[in-house]
């Protein structure tokens, strides 16, 4: 039995959920998300509660049960309050700038790196070094944050590059100079 899959989802005011044969549509003030129904799972909508049940007792269906519930719960949370990832850029001369709705990143390369606009995602920049990525799709916000971080990962010697706001970077000692004896 799935501990996550058993829990009911309470649907808040302002969110409408429609259960179809192969998908679940969640609509809110921020937008609309469609979640495809995973194999062997049936969704049941009763007034303001949504529950899921497994149709068979196989390992894959039990795994899908909790996953399906988590995907719909994330969609509801995203459409009510949204998701946010914060990236911090450290390094002399490194900076993040808005270019239209996309980004222009100065990361120490011979050219500025461009990141295009993504529908449903908002970029906020603070002090040219703090980038906030906001949106209602949890997976998309995480993917974009990972893509931007991959452009210049934080290095362990001086700490230059992108890091998440809650990430702890383990610093290494550089080369030790050998004293003359």
Protein backbone atom coordinates (compact mmCIF):
# COMPACT_ATOMS: atom_id res chain seq x y z
CA UNK A 1 0.00 0.00 0.00
CA UNK A 2 1.21 3.46 -0.89
CA UNK A 3 1.37 5.87 2.04
CA UNK A 4 1.31 8.84 -0.33
CA UNK A 5 -1.34 7.44 -2.66
CA UNK A 6 -3.84 6.80 0.15
CA UNK A 7 -4.02 10.46 1.16
CA UNK A 8 -6.88 12.54 -0.18
CA UNK A 9 -6.23 15.91 -1.80
CA UNK A 10 -8.41 18.75 -0.56
CA UNK A 11 -9.18 21.09 -3.44
CA UNK A 12 -8.97 24.75 -2.32
CA UNK A 13 -11.33 27.51 -3.44
CA UNK A 14 -10.42 28.99 -6.83
CA UNK A 15 -9.18 25.65 -8.20
CA UNK A 16 -11.31 23.43 -10.40
CA UNK A 17 -10.43 19.81 -11.13
CA UNK A 18 -11.91 17.81 -13.98
CA UNK A 19 -11.28 14.05 -14.15
CA UNK A 20 -11.34 12.63 -17.67
CA UNK A 21 -10.65 9.12 -18.91
CA UNK A 22 -6.92 9.57 -19.64
CA UNK A 23 -6.11 12.89 -17.95
CA UNK A 24 -6.83 15.20 -15.07
CA UNK A 25 -7.27 18.91 -15.80
CA UNK A 26 -6.50 21.37 -13.02
CA UNK A 27 -7.47 25.01 -13.60
CA UNK A 28 -6.72 27.99 -11.37
CA UNK A 29 -6.20 31.74 -11.50
CA UNK A 30 -2.58 31.34 -12.69
CA UNK A 31 -3.27 28.93 -15.55
CA UNK A 32 -4.19 25.38 -16.46
CA UNK A 33 -2.31 22.09 -16.20
CA UNK A 34 -3.13 18.71 -17.70
CA UNK A 35 -1.72 15.62 -15.98
CA UNK A 36 -1.96 12.34 -17.92
CA UNK A 37 -3.36 9.48 -15.84
CA UNK A 38 -0.79 6.77 -15.18
CA UNK A 39 -1.49 3.11 -15.94
CA UNK A 40 -3.61 1.23 -13.42
CA UNK A 41 -4.74 4.30 -11.44
CA UNK A 42 -8.28 5.64 -11.18
CA UNK A 43 -9.06 9.12 -9.85
CA UNK A 44 -12.27 9.77 -7.95
CA UNK A 45 -13.59 13.31 -7.43
CA UNK A 46 -16.11 13.78 -4.60
CA UNK A 47 -17.11 17.40 -3.98
CA UNK A 48 -13.87 19.11 -2.79
CA UNK A 49 -11.81 15.94 -2.31
CA UNK A 50 -9.79 14.02 -4.88
CA UNK A 51 -8.64 10.47 -4.16
CA UNK A 52 -6.80 7.83 -6.14
CA UNK A 53 -7.07 4.07 -6.13
CA UNK A 54 -4.94 1.32 -7.61
CA UNK A 55 -6.78 -1.01 -9.98
CA UNK A 56 -4.26 -3.90 -9.67
CA UNK A 57 -1.69 -4.96 -7.11
CA UNK A 58 1.57 -4.96 -9.08
CA UNK A 59 4.80 -3.17 -8.21
CA UNK A 60 4.46 -0.69 -11.10
CA UNK A 61 0.84 0.19 -10.26
CA UNK A 62 1.70 0.73 -6.58
CA UNK A 63 4.53 3.04 -7.66
CA UNK A 64 2.24 4.91 -10.06
CA UNK A 65 -0.34 5.35 -7.29
CA UNK A 66 1.84 7.60 -5.13
CA UNK A 67 3.36 9.34 -8.16
CA UNK A 68 -0.05 10.23 -9.59
CA UNK A 69 -1.21 11.69 -6.29
CA UNK A 70 2.01 13.73 -5.94
CA UNK A 71 1.77 15.09 -9.50
CA UNK A 72 -1.80 16.32 -8.99
CA UNK A 73 -1.00 17.75 -5.53
CA UNK A 74 1.96 19.66 -7.04
CA UNK A 75 -0.26 21.00 -9.82
CA UNK A 76 -2.81 22.26 -7.29
CA UNK A 77 -0.10 23.84 -5.11
CA UNK A 78 1.52 25.44 -8.16
CA UNK A 79 -1.72 26.98 -9.36
CA UNK A 80 -2.53 28.39 -5.92
CA UNK A 81 0.84 29.66 -4.66
CA UNK A 82 3.41 28.79 -7.35
CA UNK A 83 6.96 27.48 -7.10
CA UNK A 84 10.26 29.33 -6.89
CA UNK A 85 13.95 28.42 -7.18
CA UNK A 86 16.68 30.91 -6.32
CA UNK A 87 20.12 30.78 -7.92
CA UNK A 88 23.06 32.84 -6.65
CA UNK A 89 25.88 33.72 -9.04
CA UNK A 90 29.30 34.39 -7.51
CA UNK A 91 32.45 35.53 -9.25
CA UNK A 92 34.16 38.74 -10.31
CA UNK A 93 32.55 40.07 -13.52
CA UNK A 94 29.79 37.46 -13.52
CA UNK A 95 26.27 38.88 -13.78
CA UNK A 96 22.73 38.15 -14.89
CA UNK A 97 20.72 40.66 -16.94
CA UNK A 98 17.18 40.67 -18.34
CA UNK A 99 16.98 40.82 -22.11
CA UNK A 100 13.32 41.18 -23.06
CA UNK A 101 11.68 38.32 -21.19
CA UNK A 102 14.78 36.10 -21.50
CA UNK A 103 18.21 36.34 -19.86
CA UNK A 104 21.70 37.44 -20.88
CA UNK A 105 24.38 35.88 -18.66
CA UNK A 106 27.98 37.08 -18.36
CA UNK A 107 29.78 33.97 -17.13
CA UNK A 108 33.41 34.62 -17.99
CA UNK A 109 33.15 33.34 -21.55
CA UNK A 110 34.17 35.41 -24.59
CA UNK A 111 30.47 36.10 -25.29
CA UNK A 112 27.32 36.63 -23.25
CA UNK A 113 25.20 33.48 -22.94
CA UNK A 114 21.55 33.95 -23.89
CA UNK A 115 18.70 32.03 -22.26
CA UNK A 116 15.37 32.37 -24.10
CA UNK A 117 12.00 33.27 -22.67
CA UNK A 118 9.92 30.31 -21.46
CA UNK A 119 6.10 30.53 -21.38
CA UNK A 120 4.75 30.26 -17.83
CA UNK A 121 8.10 31.16 -16.22
CA UNK A 122 9.05 34.54 -14.73
CA UNK A 123 12.67 35.55 -14.14
CA UNK A 124 13.39 38.07 -11.39
CA UNK A 125 16.87 39.51 -10.94
CA UNK A 126 18.22 41.15 -7.81
CA UNK A 127 21.63 42.88 -7.60
CA UNK A 128 22.82 41.32 -10.91
CA UNK A 129 23.72 38.12 -9.08
CA UNK A 130 20.53 36.67 -7.58
CA UNK A 131 18.13 35.01 -10.02
CA UNK A 132 14.64 33.91 -8.96
CA UNK A 133 12.80 31.53 -11.26
CA UNK A 134 9.04 31.46 -10.64
CA UNK A 135 6.25 29.45 -12.21
CA UNK A 136 3.29 27.17 -11.53
CA UNK A 137 4.81 23.96 -12.98
CA UNK A 138 7.19 22.45 -10.41
CA UNK A 139 8.98 20.24 -12.93
CA UNK A 140 9.55 23.09 -15.40
CA UNK A 141 10.85 25.48 -12.71
CA UNK A 142 13.31 22.83 -11.50
CA UNK A 143 14.44 21.95 -15.03
CA UNK A 144 15.12 25.58 -15.98
CA UNK A 145 17.01 26.17 -12.74
CA UNK A 146 19.12 23.07 -13.42
CA UNK A 147 19.76 24.13 -17.04
CA UNK A 148 20.95 27.60 -15.98
CA UNK A 149 23.07 26.17 -13.16
CA UNK A 150 24.70 23.72 -15.59
CA UNK A 151 26.02 26.65 -17.65
CA UNK A 152 28.50 27.50 -14.89
CA UNK A 153 28.42 25.13 -11.91
CA UNK A 154 30.02 26.33 -8.71
CA UNK A 155 33.65 25.28 -8.48
CA UNK A 156 35.07 24.12 -5.13
CA UNK A 157 38.21 26.31 -4.92
CA UNK A 158 36.94 29.90 -5.14
CA UNK A 159 33.19 29.21 -5.19
CA UNK A 160 32.63 30.87 -8.57
CA UNK A 161 29.51 29.95 -10.52
CA UNK A 162 25.79 29.31 -9.93
CA UNK A 163 24.57 27.68 -6.75
CA UNK A 164 21.12 27.18 -5.28
CA UNK A 165 20.28 29.47 -2.36
CA UNK A 166 20.05 26.51 0.03
CA UNK A 167 23.06 24.63 -1.40
CA UNK A 168 26.18 24.23 0.72
CA UNK A 169 29.38 24.25 -1.31
CA UNK A 170 32.26 22.31 0.18
CA UNK A 171 35.38 24.35 -0.41
CA UNK A 172 38.76 22.76 -1.09
CA UNK A 173 42.15 24.11 -0.15
CA UNK A 174 44.26 25.13 -3.11
CA UNK A 175 47.82 24.09 -3.76
CA UNK A 176 50.10 24.50 -0.79
CA UNK A 177 53.31 26.35 -1.53
CA UNK A 178 56.38 24.42 -0.50
CA UNK A 179 58.55 26.49 1.83
CA UNK A 180 62.30 26.51 1.28
CA UNK A 181 64.21 24.66 3.97
